[in-house]
Every structure is written in structure tokens, then in C-alpha cells.
Amino acid sequence: MKRAQAVRHLAEMAETATECRQSRGAPMAWPLSSMWVTGELLETSPTVEGGTVVLLLDLPPDELPWLAVHPTGEWVSDALRLGKRPVLWCYRPAAWPAWNARHRRVLRFWSEDDGVGGEVLDALRNGRSPEIAEPDDEERRAQLREERDLARRHLRAVLDGFHDRSWRRAHHDPADHLWRAAQGLREIEDAAEG
């Protein structure tokens, strides 16, 4: 798809996030604190396969191990219509950086404080590379160690509950939860070694 079309999806998501943030009278407060773009859209090519978005959520890190499914994250992704857009997405706790085991270079295009990053979207639309957040090696290793410990605890909890009937009832598609826990730990360990 053309770069402009991909960026149009980001702009629509940012507008929706702003609208949801302003409608705080809803039964549940809007938990999205910022959105970041990564992958192909950070390059200068006029066409892209799609985009990748990182959602930072106001949730404790212990609730969001890498690749784990969380009801709040699913609710936000549904509100942003991510399943109907040509984008991949993941979510992270707002207490952690947007870069992660899979995506080292990220760029914020929306935040609860600043709203839509119009200049960022214009730069992306025109194939320019604005200031991209990227950790240094030591910062990345330290973060990955912390996430690895959480991912190990999460995988252990999933394995311990996997054959428990009440756990299975509470977790739609238990095999997917198990795969995500194992794959999340694997990606973190691979990133830490690489």
C-alpha cells in the first residue's frame, strides 16, 4: 500500500484515541497513554506492506508480560479498529519504554498529554525520518532482563493453570495463552542474546 494510506490509518487511530480520551464519562476510563509506530513506516520507501503499532497502557507491568493477551488491551485495540486495519499491534505497560524485544526503534505519534503528533504524521507521510526513540545497548539489556523475569513467571503460571478447569474457563483459547507465554519468553531471550 502507499505510504500515505498507511499514515492515514495512524491519523484515524490518533483521532479515535483523542475522542475516547475525552469521553471519560464512560464506565471504564480510557487506559491508553500513548501510541508508537515502528517497522516499515520508519523507513523511507514510498510503499509499505503495513504498519506496526505499540500501544502503551496504564496497567501495571506484572499484568502485561510480552505478547500476553489482556482484556483491557483487547478493548482498546477493538476501539481503535486495529483488527480491520493493515497493521500489526502489541501493547505494553506505560511504565516501560515503547521499544521492546521485537521492535528496537519506535516513534510516538499520539499521547494522552499532547494528542495527535501532526508533525510526526506529516514526516512519516513524506518519507522523512523524524527523531526516533531507540535504547542504547546497556539500557536495552537491563530492560530485557526485567521483562525476561516477568515472562518466566508468566509462563510458569500459564503452565500451572493450563489443566485447571477454572483457569481454562477464565482464559479463552488456553492453547493461545500458552503459545504466547512461550513465544514471548523466547523473543525476549533471543533479543537479550542478540
N, C-alpha and C. Protein backbone atom coordinates (compact mmCIF):
# COMPACT_ATOMS: atom_id res chain seq x y z
N MET A 1 0.84 -1.17 0.00
CA MET A 1 0.00 0.00 0.00
C MET A 1 0.88 1.24 0.00
N LYS A 2 0.31 2.34 -0.42
CA LYS A 2 1.06 3.58 -0.43
C LYS A 2 1.27 4.07 0.99
N ARG A 3 2.41 4.71 1.18
CA ARG A 3 2.77 5.24 2.50
C ARG A 3 1.68 6.17 3.05
N ALA A 4 1.13 7.02 2.20
CA ALA A 4 0.11 7.97 2.65
C ALA A 4 -1.12 7.25 3.21
N GLN A 5 -1.49 6.14 2.59
CA GLN A 5 -2.63 5.37 3.08
C GLN A 5 -2.34 4.77 4.45
N ALA A 6 -1.14 4.24 4.63
CA ALA A 6 -0.76 3.67 5.93
C ALA A 6 -0.77 4.75 7.01
N VAL A 7 -0.25 5.93 6.70
CA VAL A 7 -0.23 7.02 7.67
C VAL A 7 -1.64 7.51 7.95
N ARG A 8 -2.53 7.44 6.96
CA ARG A 8 -3.92 7.82 7.18
C ARG A 8 -4.56 6.94 8.27
N HIS A 9 -4.19 5.66 8.28
CA HIS A 9 -4.68 4.76 9.34
C HIS A 9 -4.18 5.22 10.71
N LEU A 10 -2.91 5.62 10.78
CA LEU A 10 -2.37 6.12 12.05
C LEU A 10 -3.12 7.37 12.50
N ALA A 11 -3.39 8.27 11.56
CA ALA A 11 -4.11 9.51 11.89
C ALA A 11 -5.51 9.20 12.40
N GLU A 12 -6.20 8.26 11.76
CA GLU A 12 -7.54 7.88 12.21
C GLU A 12 -7.50 7.27 13.61
N MET A 13 -6.50 6.45 13.86
CA MET A 13 -6.35 5.86 15.19
C MET A 13 -6.09 6.94 16.23
N ALA A 14 -5.27 7.92 15.90
CA ALA A 14 -4.96 9.00 16.83
C ALA A 14 -6.21 9.83 17.11
N GLU A 15 -7.01 10.10 16.09
CA GLU A 15 -8.26 10.85 16.30
C GLU A 15 -9.21 10.07 17.20
N THR A 16 -9.34 8.77 16.96
CA THR A 16 -10.20 7.93 17.79
C THR A 16 -9.71 7.91 19.23
N ALA A 17 -8.40 7.80 19.42
CA ALA A 17 -7.84 7.79 20.77
C ALA A 17 -8.15 9.09 21.49
N THR A 18 -8.06 10.20 20.78
CA THR A 18 -8.36 11.50 21.38
C THR A 18 -9.84 11.56 21.78
N GLU A 19 -10.73 11.10 20.91
CA GLU A 19 -12.16 11.09 21.22
C GLU A 19 -12.46 10.21 22.43
N CYS A 20 -11.85 9.04 22.48
CA CYS A 20 -12.08 8.13 23.60
C CYS A 20 -11.52 8.72 24.90
N ARG A 21 -10.40 9.41 24.80
CA ARG A 21 -9.80 10.03 25.99
C ARG A 21 -10.70 11.13 26.53
N GLN A 22 -11.39 11.84 25.65
CA GLN A 22 -12.23 12.95 26.07
C GLN A 22 -13.56 12.48 26.63
N SER A 23 -13.98 11.27 26.32
CA SER A 23 -15.26 10.77 26.82
C SER A 23 -15.03 9.95 28.09
N ARG A 24 -14.50 10.61 29.11
CA ARG A 24 -14.18 9.93 30.36
C ARG A 24 -15.42 9.55 31.15
N GLY A 25 -16.60 9.95 30.72
CA GLY A 25 -17.82 9.59 31.42
C GLY A 25 -18.20 8.13 31.20
N ALA A 26 -17.42 7.44 30.40
CA ALA A 26 -17.70 6.03 30.12
C ALA A 26 -17.49 5.21 31.38
N PRO A 27 -18.10 4.01 31.44
CA PRO A 27 -17.97 3.18 32.63
C PRO A 27 -16.52 2.81 32.97
N MET A 28 -15.67 2.79 31.98
CA MET A 28 -14.26 2.45 32.21
C MET A 28 -13.39 3.56 31.64
N ALA A 29 -12.45 4.07 32.44
CA ALA A 29 -11.57 5.14 31.96
C ALA A 29 -10.73 4.64 30.80
N TRP A 30 -10.41 5.54 29.86
CA TRP A 30 -9.60 5.19 28.69
C TRP A 30 -8.17 4.94 29.17
N PRO A 31 -7.66 3.73 29.02
CA PRO A 31 -6.36 3.37 29.59
C PRO A 31 -5.15 3.60 28.69
N LEU A 32 -5.36 4.09 27.48
CA LEU A 32 -4.25 4.27 26.53
C LEU A 32 -3.50 5.55 26.87
N SER A 33 -2.18 5.44 27.08
CA SER A 33 -1.41 6.64 27.39
C SER A 33 -0.65 7.17 26.17
N SER A 34 -0.23 6.27 25.26
CA SER A 34 0.43 6.73 24.04
C SER A 34 0.44 5.63 22.99
N MET A 35 0.65 6.04 21.73
CA MET A 35 0.77 5.10 20.61
C MET A 35 2.06 5.43 19.86
N TRP A 36 2.73 4.36 19.47
CA TRP A 36 4.02 4.46 18.80
C TRP A 36 3.98 3.64 17.53
N VAL A 37 4.67 4.10 16.51
CA VAL A 37 4.77 3.36 15.26
C VAL A 37 6.19 2.80 15.16
N THR A 38 6.31 1.66 14.49
CA THR A 38 7.61 1.02 14.32
C THR A 38 7.62 0.26 13.00
N GLY A 39 8.74 -0.32 12.68
CA GLY A 39 8.82 -1.15 11.47
C GLY A 39 8.99 -0.35 10.20
N GLU A 40 8.34 -0.83 9.14
CA GLU A 40 8.49 -0.27 7.79
C GLU A 40 8.20 1.22 7.69
N LEU A 41 7.25 1.70 8.49
CA LEU A 41 6.89 3.11 8.38
C LEU A 41 7.99 4.05 8.85
N LEU A 42 8.99 3.52 9.53
CA LEU A 42 10.12 4.36 9.94
C LEU A 42 11.17 4.46 8.84
N GLU A 43 10.98 3.71 7.77
CA GLU A 43 11.90 3.76 6.63
C GLU A 43 11.38 4.80 5.64
N THR A 44 12.03 4.94 4.49
CA THR A 44 11.65 5.99 3.54
C THR A 44 10.98 5.48 2.28
N SER A 45 10.71 4.21 2.18
CA SER A 45 10.11 3.63 0.99
C SER A 45 8.71 4.23 0.72
N PRO A 46 8.35 4.47 -0.57
CA PRO A 46 7.03 5.05 -0.88
C PRO A 46 5.87 4.06 -0.68
N THR A 47 6.17 2.78 -0.63
CA THR A 47 5.13 1.79 -0.36
C THR A 47 5.55 0.92 0.82
N VAL A 48 4.56 0.40 1.53
CA VAL A 48 4.82 -0.44 2.70
C VAL A 48 3.83 -1.60 2.69
N GLU A 49 4.22 -2.69 3.30
CA GLU A 49 3.32 -3.85 3.43
C GLU A 49 2.21 -3.53 4.43
N GLY A 50 2.54 -2.82 5.45
CA GLY A 50 1.61 -2.49 6.52
C GLY A 50 2.36 -1.70 7.57
N GLY A 51 1.78 -1.60 8.72
CA GLY A 51 2.43 -0.87 9.80
C GLY A 51 2.41 -1.70 11.06
N THR A 52 3.17 -1.27 12.04
CA THR A 52 3.17 -1.89 13.35
C THR A 52 3.02 -0.79 14.38
N VAL A 53 2.11 -1.00 15.33
CA VAL A 53 1.80 -0.01 16.34
C VAL A 53 1.99 -0.62 17.72
N VAL A 54 2.59 0.16 18.61
CA VAL A 54 2.76 -0.24 20.00
C VAL A 54 1.85 0.65 20.84
N LEU A 55 0.98 0.03 21.63
CA LEU A 55 0.05 0.75 22.50
C LEU A 55 0.59 0.70 23.93
N LEU A 56 0.79 1.85 24.55
CA LEU A 56 1.20 1.89 25.95
C LEU A 56 -0.04 2.11 26.80
N LEU A 57 -0.28 1.18 27.73
CA LEU A 57 -1.49 1.17 28.55
C LEU A 57 -1.17 1.47 30.01
N ASP A 58 -2.08 2.16 30.67
CA ASP A 58 -1.93 2.46 32.09
C ASP A 58 -2.31 1.24 32.91
N LEU A 59 -1.46 0.23 32.85
CA LEU A 59 -1.63 -1.00 33.60
C LEU A 59 -0.29 -1.37 34.22
N PRO A 60 -0.30 -2.09 35.34
CA PRO A 60 0.96 -2.50 35.97
C PRO A 60 1.74 -3.46 35.07
N PRO A 61 3.06 -3.36 35.05
CA PRO A 61 3.86 -4.27 34.21
C PRO A 61 3.57 -5.75 34.47
N ASP A 62 3.29 -6.12 35.71
CA ASP A 62 3.01 -7.53 36.00
C ASP A 62 1.79 -8.06 35.25
N GLU A 63 0.91 -7.17 34.81
CA GLU A 63 -0.28 -7.60 34.08
C GLU A 63 -0.04 -7.70 32.57
N LEU A 64 1.10 -7.21 32.10
CA LEU A 64 1.34 -7.18 30.66
C LEU A 64 2.68 -7.78 30.26
N PRO A 65 2.89 -9.06 30.55
CA PRO A 65 4.12 -9.66 30.03
C PRO A 65 4.08 -9.64 28.50
N TRP A 66 5.25 -9.67 27.88
CA TRP A 66 5.36 -9.57 26.43
C TRP A 66 4.49 -10.63 25.74
N LEU A 67 3.66 -10.18 24.81
CA LEU A 67 2.75 -10.96 23.96
C LEU A 67 1.54 -11.53 24.68
N ALA A 68 1.40 -11.33 25.99
CA ALA A 68 0.23 -11.85 26.69
C ALA A 68 -1.01 -11.07 26.28
N VAL A 69 -2.14 -11.75 26.25
CA VAL A 69 -3.42 -11.11 25.94
C VAL A 69 -3.98 -10.53 27.23
N HIS A 70 -4.48 -9.31 27.15
CA HIS A 70 -5.08 -8.67 28.32
C HIS A 70 -6.42 -8.08 27.89
N PRO A 71 -7.47 -8.25 28.68
CA PRO A 71 -8.79 -7.73 28.27
C PRO A 71 -8.80 -6.23 27.99
N THR A 72 -8.06 -5.46 28.77
CA THR A 72 -8.02 -4.02 28.53
C THR A 72 -7.34 -3.71 27.20
N GLY A 73 -6.26 -4.41 26.91
CA GLY A 73 -5.58 -4.22 25.63
C GLY A 73 -6.46 -4.60 24.46
N GLU A 74 -7.23 -5.66 24.62
CA GLU A 74 -8.14 -6.08 23.55
C GLU A 74 -9.26 -5.05 23.37
N TRP A 75 -9.76 -4.51 24.48
CA TRP A 75 -10.81 -3.48 24.42
C TRP A 75 -10.30 -2.25 23.67
N VAL A 76 -9.09 -1.80 23.99
CA VAL A 76 -8.51 -0.63 23.31
C VAL A 76 -8.29 -0.94 21.83
N SER A 77 -7.74 -2.10 21.52
CA SER A 77 -7.49 -2.43 20.11
C SER A 77 -8.79 -2.52 19.32
N ASP A 78 -9.86 -3.02 19.95
CA ASP A 78 -11.17 -3.04 19.28
C ASP A 78 -11.68 -1.62 19.03
N ALA A 79 -11.54 -0.75 20.04
CA ALA A 79 -12.00 0.64 19.89
C ALA A 79 -11.26 1.35 18.76
N LEU A 80 -9.98 1.02 18.58
CA LEU A 80 -9.18 1.64 17.51
C LEU A 80 -9.36 0.93 16.17
N ARG A 81 -10.16 -0.13 16.16
CA ARG A 81 -10.44 -0.92 14.96
C ARG A 81 -9.17 -1.52 14.35
N LEU A 82 -8.26 -1.94 15.20
CA LEU A 82 -6.98 -2.46 14.70
C LEU A 82 -7.15 -3.74 13.90
N GLY A 83 -8.13 -4.56 14.25
CA GLY A 83 -8.36 -5.79 13.50
C GLY A 83 -8.83 -5.56 12.08
N LYS A 84 -9.30 -4.35 11.78
CA LYS A 84 -9.78 -4.02 10.44
C LYS A 84 -8.78 -3.16 9.67
N ARG A 85 -7.62 -2.95 10.24
CA ARG A 85 -6.61 -2.11 9.61
C ARG A 85 -5.41 -2.97 9.19
N PRO A 86 -4.64 -2.51 8.21
CA PRO A 86 -3.45 -3.28 7.78
C PRO A 86 -2.26 -3.03 8.70
N VAL A 87 -2.48 -3.27 10.00
CA VAL A 87 -1.41 -3.05 10.97
C VAL A 87 -1.32 -4.25 11.92
N LEU A 88 -0.13 -4.46 12.39
CA LEU A 88 0.10 -5.37 13.50
C LEU A 88 0.17 -4.51 14.74
N TRP A 89 -0.09 -5.08 15.91
CA TRP A 89 -0.01 -4.28 17.12
C TRP A 89 0.38 -5.14 18.31
N CYS A 90 0.89 -4.46 19.30
CA CYS A 90 1.17 -5.08 20.58
C CYS A 90 0.93 -4.01 21.64
N TYR A 91 0.78 -4.44 22.87
CA TYR A 91 0.63 -3.45 23.93
C TYR A 91 1.63 -3.71 25.05
N ARG A 92 1.94 -2.60 25.74
CA ARG A 92 2.94 -2.61 26.80
C ARG A 92 2.47 -1.72 27.93
N PRO A 93 2.99 -1.95 29.13
CA PRO A 93 2.65 -1.06 30.23
C PRO A 93 3.29 0.31 30.03
N ALA A 94 2.58 1.36 30.40
CA ALA A 94 3.10 2.72 30.23
C ALA A 94 4.35 2.96 31.06
N ALA A 95 4.57 2.16 32.10
CA ALA A 95 5.77 2.31 32.93
C ALA A 95 7.03 1.85 32.21
N TRP A 96 6.88 1.12 31.12
CA TRP A 96 8.02 0.62 30.36
C TRP A 96 8.16 1.40 29.06
N PRO A 97 9.34 1.36 28.45
CA PRO A 97 9.50 2.04 27.15
C PRO A 97 8.69 1.34 26.06
N ALA A 98 8.38 2.07 25.01
CA ALA A 98 7.63 1.50 23.89
C ALA A 98 8.47 0.50 23.11
N TRP A 99 9.77 0.72 23.02
CA TRP A 99 10.61 -0.27 22.33
C TRP A 99 10.57 -1.55 23.15
N ASN A 100 10.82 -2.66 22.49
CA ASN A 100 10.61 -3.95 23.15
C ASN A 100 11.49 -5.01 22.51
N ALA A 101 11.25 -6.26 22.84
CA ALA A 101 12.08 -7.36 22.33
C ALA A 101 12.03 -7.45 20.82
N ARG A 102 10.93 -7.09 20.22
CA ARG A 102 10.75 -7.23 18.77
C ARG A 102 11.08 -5.94 18.03
N HIS A 103 10.84 -4.80 18.64
CA HIS A 103 10.96 -3.51 17.96
C HIS A 103 11.89 -2.58 18.75
N ARG A 104 13.06 -2.37 18.20
CA ARG A 104 14.05 -1.54 18.90
C ARG A 104 13.86 -0.05 18.60
N ARG A 105 13.37 0.28 17.41
CA ARG A 105 13.20 1.68 17.00
C ARG A 105 11.71 2.01 16.96
N VAL A 106 11.30 3.05 17.69
CA VAL A 106 9.89 3.42 17.76
C VAL A 106 9.75 4.94 17.68
N LEU A 107 8.56 5.38 17.30
CA LEU A 107 8.28 6.81 17.16
C LEU A 107 6.86 7.08 17.66
N ARG A 108 6.73 8.00 18.61
CA ARG A 108 5.41 8.32 19.18
C ARG A 108 4.63 9.21 18.21
N PHE A 109 3.36 8.82 17.95
CA PHE A 109 2.51 9.65 17.09
C PHE A 109 1.23 10.10 17.78
N TRP A 110 1.01 9.65 19.03
CA TRP A 110 -0.13 10.12 19.82
C TRP A 110 0.19 9.91 21.29
N SER A 111 -0.24 10.87 22.13
CA SER A 111 -0.14 10.68 23.58
C SER A 111 -1.32 11.36 24.25
N GLU A 112 -1.63 10.89 25.45
CA GLU A 112 -2.75 11.46 26.18
C GLU A 112 -2.51 12.92 26.52
N ASP A 113 -1.27 13.33 26.70
CA ASP A 113 -0.95 14.71 27.05
C ASP A 113 -0.90 15.63 25.85
N ASP A 114 -0.30 15.15 24.74
CA ASP A 114 -0.08 16.02 23.58
C ASP A 114 -1.05 15.77 22.43
N GLY A 115 -1.83 14.72 22.50
CA GLY A 115 -2.76 14.41 21.42
C GLY A 115 -2.05 13.91 20.17
N VAL A 116 -2.60 14.26 19.03
CA VAL A 116 -2.07 13.80 17.74
C VAL A 116 -0.76 14.51 17.43
N GLY A 117 0.25 13.74 17.07
CA GLY A 117 1.53 14.32 16.65
C GLY A 117 1.48 14.65 15.18
N GLY A 118 0.86 15.78 14.83
CA GLY A 118 0.69 16.16 13.43
C GLY A 118 1.99 16.26 12.66
N GLU A 119 3.03 16.83 13.29
CA GLU A 119 4.32 16.94 12.61
C GLU A 119 4.94 15.58 12.36
N VAL A 120 4.75 14.67 13.32
CA VAL A 120 5.27 13.31 13.15
C VAL A 120 4.56 12.62 11.99
N LEU A 121 3.25 12.73 11.95
CA LEU A 121 2.48 12.10 10.87
C LEU A 121 2.85 12.70 9.52
N ASP A 122 3.04 14.02 9.45
CA ASP A 122 3.46 14.65 8.20
C ASP A 122 4.82 14.13 7.75
N ALA A 123 5.75 14.01 8.68
CA ALA A 123 7.08 13.50 8.34
C ALA A 123 6.98 12.06 7.83
N LEU A 124 6.19 11.23 8.50
CA LEU A 124 6.02 9.85 8.05
C LEU A 124 5.37 9.79 6.67
N ARG A 125 4.38 10.63 6.46
CA ARG A 125 3.67 10.67 5.18
C ARG A 125 4.62 11.02 4.03
N ASN A 126 5.58 11.90 4.31
CA ASN A 126 6.52 12.35 3.29
C ASN A 126 7.80 11.53 3.25
N GLY A 127 7.85 10.44 4.00
CA GLY A 127 9.01 9.57 3.98
C GLY A 127 10.23 10.13 4.66
N ARG A 128 10.02 11.12 5.52
CA ARG A 128 11.13 11.67 6.29
C ARG A 128 11.23 10.90 7.60
N SER A 129 12.37 10.90 8.17
CA SER A 129 12.60 10.16 9.40
C SER A 129 12.75 11.12 10.57
N PRO A 130 11.66 11.35 11.32
CA PRO A 130 11.78 12.23 12.49
C PRO A 130 12.59 11.55 13.60
N GLU A 131 12.73 12.22 14.71
CA GLU A 131 13.53 11.69 15.81
C GLU A 131 12.91 10.40 16.35
N ILE A 132 13.66 9.33 16.24
CA ILE A 132 13.19 8.00 16.62
C ILE A 132 13.79 7.62 17.97
N ALA A 133 12.96 7.05 18.85
CA ALA A 133 13.45 6.58 20.14
C ALA A 133 14.08 5.20 19.97
N GLU A 134 15.28 5.07 20.49
CA GLU A 134 16.00 3.80 20.40
C GLU A 134 16.93 3.71 21.61
N PRO A 135 16.89 2.58 22.32
CA PRO A 135 17.72 2.46 23.52
C PRO A 135 19.18 2.19 23.18
N ASP A 136 20.06 2.57 24.10
CA ASP A 136 21.45 2.13 23.93
C ASP A 136 21.53 0.67 24.41
N ASP A 137 22.65 0.02 24.15
CA ASP A 137 22.76 -1.42 24.44
C ASP A 137 22.56 -1.76 25.91
N GLU A 138 23.13 -0.97 26.81
CA GLU A 138 23.01 -1.26 28.24
C GLU A 138 21.57 -1.08 28.72
N GLU A 139 20.94 -0.02 28.28
CA GLU A 139 19.54 0.24 28.65
C GLU A 139 18.65 -0.91 28.15
N ARG A 140 18.91 -1.36 26.96
CA ARG A 140 18.11 -2.45 26.38
C ARG A 140 18.32 -3.76 27.15
N ARG A 141 19.57 -4.07 27.46
CA ARG A 141 19.85 -5.31 28.21
C ARG A 141 19.16 -5.29 29.57
N ALA A 142 19.22 -4.16 30.27
CA ALA A 142 18.60 -4.06 31.60
C ALA A 142 17.08 -4.25 31.50
N GLN A 143 16.47 -3.63 30.52
CA GLN A 143 15.02 -3.76 30.35
C GLN A 143 14.65 -5.19 29.98
N LEU A 144 15.40 -5.80 29.10
CA LEU A 144 15.11 -7.18 28.70
C LEU A 144 15.28 -8.16 29.86
N ARG A 145 16.23 -7.90 30.76
CA ARG A 145 16.38 -8.77 31.94
C ARG A 145 15.13 -8.70 32.81
N GLU A 146 14.63 -7.49 33.02
CA GLU A 146 13.41 -7.32 33.82
C GLU A 146 12.22 -8.02 33.16
N GLU A 147 12.10 -7.85 31.85
CA GLU A 147 11.00 -8.48 31.14
C GLU A 147 11.14 -9.99 31.08
N ARG A 148 12.37 -10.47 31.00
CA ARG A 148 12.59 -11.92 30.98
C ARG A 148 12.11 -12.56 32.28
N ASP A 149 12.41 -11.91 33.41
CA ASP A 149 11.96 -12.44 34.70
C ASP A 149 10.44 -12.50 34.77
N LEU A 150 9.77 -11.45 34.30
CA LEU A 150 8.31 -11.45 34.28
C LEU A 150 7.78 -12.52 33.32
N ALA A 151 8.39 -12.64 32.15
CA ALA A 151 7.95 -13.63 31.16
C ALA A 151 8.09 -15.06 31.71
N ARG A 152 9.15 -15.31 32.46
CA ARG A 152 9.32 -16.63 33.07
C ARG A 152 8.22 -16.91 34.09
N ARG A 153 7.93 -15.92 34.94
CA ARG A 153 6.85 -16.10 35.94
C ARG A 153 5.51 -16.32 35.24
N HIS A 154 5.29 -15.57 34.17
CA HIS A 154 4.04 -15.70 33.43
C HIS A 154 3.91 -17.09 32.78
N LEU A 155 4.96 -17.57 32.15
CA LEU A 155 4.92 -18.88 31.54
C LEU A 155 4.68 -19.95 32.59
N ARG A 156 5.32 -19.83 33.73
CA ARG A 156 5.12 -20.79 34.81
C ARG A 156 3.65 -20.79 35.27
N ALA A 157 3.06 -19.61 35.41
CA ALA A 157 1.67 -19.51 35.84
C ALA A 157 0.72 -20.13 34.80
N VAL A 158 1.00 -19.90 33.53
CA VAL A 158 0.17 -20.48 32.47
C VAL A 158 0.30 -22.01 32.48
N LEU A 159 1.51 -22.50 32.61
CA LEU A 159 1.72 -23.96 32.67
C LEU A 159 1.03 -24.56 33.89
N ASP A 160 1.11 -23.88 35.04
CA ASP A 160 0.48 -24.39 36.25
C ASP A 160 -1.04 -24.41 36.14
N GLY A 161 -1.62 -23.44 35.44
CA GLY A 161 -3.07 -23.37 35.32
C GLY A 161 -3.65 -24.07 34.11
N PHE A 162 -2.80 -24.48 33.20
CA PHE A 162 -3.28 -24.97 31.91
C PHE A 162 -4.30 -26.11 32.01
N HIS A 163 -4.14 -27.02 32.92
CA HIS A 163 -5.07 -28.15 33.04
C HIS A 163 -6.13 -27.94 34.12
N ASP A 164 -6.11 -26.79 34.75
CA ASP A 164 -7.11 -26.46 35.77
C ASP A 164 -8.38 -25.96 35.08
N ARG A 165 -9.52 -26.55 35.42
CA ARG A 165 -10.79 -26.20 34.74
C ARG A 165 -11.17 -24.74 34.93
N SER A 166 -11.01 -24.22 36.11
CA SER A 166 -11.40 -22.82 36.33
C SER A 166 -10.48 -21.86 35.55
N TRP A 167 -9.18 -22.19 35.47
CA TRP A 167 -8.27 -21.36 34.70
C TRP A 167 -8.66 -21.40 33.22
N ARG A 168 -8.98 -22.58 32.72
CA ARG A 168 -9.34 -22.74 31.30
C ARG A 168 -10.62 -21.97 30.98
N ARG A 169 -11.59 -21.99 31.92
CA ARG A 169 -12.83 -21.24 31.69
C ARG A 169 -12.57 -19.74 31.66
N ALA A 170 -11.62 -19.29 32.46
CA ALA A 170 -11.33 -17.85 32.54
C ALA A 170 -10.46 -17.35 31.38
N HIS A 171 -9.85 -18.26 30.64
CA HIS A 171 -8.95 -17.87 29.56
C HIS A 171 -9.43 -18.47 28.24
N HIS A 172 -10.01 -17.60 27.43
CA HIS A 172 -10.45 -18.03 26.10
C HIS A 172 -9.24 -18.55 25.33
N ASP A 173 -9.37 -19.70 24.72
CA ASP A 173 -8.32 -20.33 23.92
C ASP A 173 -7.03 -20.52 24.73
N PRO A 174 -7.06 -21.44 25.70
CA PRO A 174 -5.89 -21.69 26.55
C PRO A 174 -4.61 -22.00 25.77
N ALA A 175 -4.73 -22.71 24.65
CA ALA A 175 -3.53 -23.04 23.86
C ALA A 175 -2.87 -21.76 23.34
N ASP A 176 -3.66 -20.76 22.97
CA ASP A 176 -3.09 -19.50 22.51
C ASP A 176 -2.35 -18.80 23.64
N HIS A 177 -2.92 -18.83 24.85
CA HIS A 177 -2.24 -18.22 26.00
C HIS A 177 -0.90 -18.90 26.26
N LEU A 178 -0.90 -20.24 26.15
CA LEU A 178 0.34 -20.98 26.35
C LEU A 178 1.37 -20.63 25.26
N TRP A 179 0.94 -20.61 24.01
CA TRP A 179 1.85 -20.27 22.91
C TRP A 179 2.42 -18.87 23.12
N ARG A 180 1.55 -17.90 23.45
CA ARG A 180 2.00 -16.52 23.63
C ARG A 180 3.02 -16.41 24.77
N ALA A 181 2.77 -17.12 25.87
CA ALA A 181 3.70 -17.07 27.01
C ALA A 181 5.05 -17.64 26.61
N ALA A 182 5.04 -18.78 25.90
CA ALA A 182 6.30 -19.40 25.48
C ALA A 182 7.01 -18.54 24.43
N GLN A 183 6.28 -18.05 23.44
CA GLN A 183 6.87 -17.23 22.38
C GLN A 183 7.39 -15.91 22.94
N GLY A 184 6.65 -15.32 23.87
CA GLY A 184 7.10 -14.07 24.48
C GLY A 184 8.44 -14.24 25.18
N LEU A 185 8.57 -15.30 25.96
CA LEU A 185 9.84 -15.57 26.64
C LEU A 185 10.95 -15.82 25.61
N ARG A 186 10.64 -16.58 24.60
CA ARG A 186 11.63 -16.89 23.56
C ARG A 186 12.14 -15.62 22.88
N GLU A 187 11.22 -14.71 22.51
CA GLU A 187 11.63 -13.48 21.84
C GLU A 187 12.50 -12.61 22.74
N ILE A 188 12.14 -12.54 24.02
CA ILE A 188 12.94 -11.76 24.95
C ILE A 188 14.34 -12.34 25.10
N GLU A 189 14.40 -13.67 25.26
CA GLU A 189 15.72 -14.30 25.40
C GLU A 189 16.55 -14.14 24.13
N ASP A 190 15.93 -14.29 22.97
CA ASP A 190 16.65 -14.10 21.71
C ASP A 190 17.17 -12.66 21.58
N ALA A 191 16.32 -11.69 21.95
CA ALA A 191 16.74 -10.28 21.87
C ALA A 191 17.87 -9.99 22.85
N ALA A 192 17.81 -10.60 24.03
CA ALA A 192 18.85 -10.37 25.03
C ALA A 192 20.19 -10.95 24.58
N GLU A 193 20.15 -12.05 23.83
CA GLU A 193 21.38 -12.67 23.35
C GLU A 193 21.93 -11.96 22.11
N GLY A 194 21.03 -11.32 21.34
CA GLY A 194 21.43 -10.75 20.06
C GLY A 194 22.01 -9.42 20.10
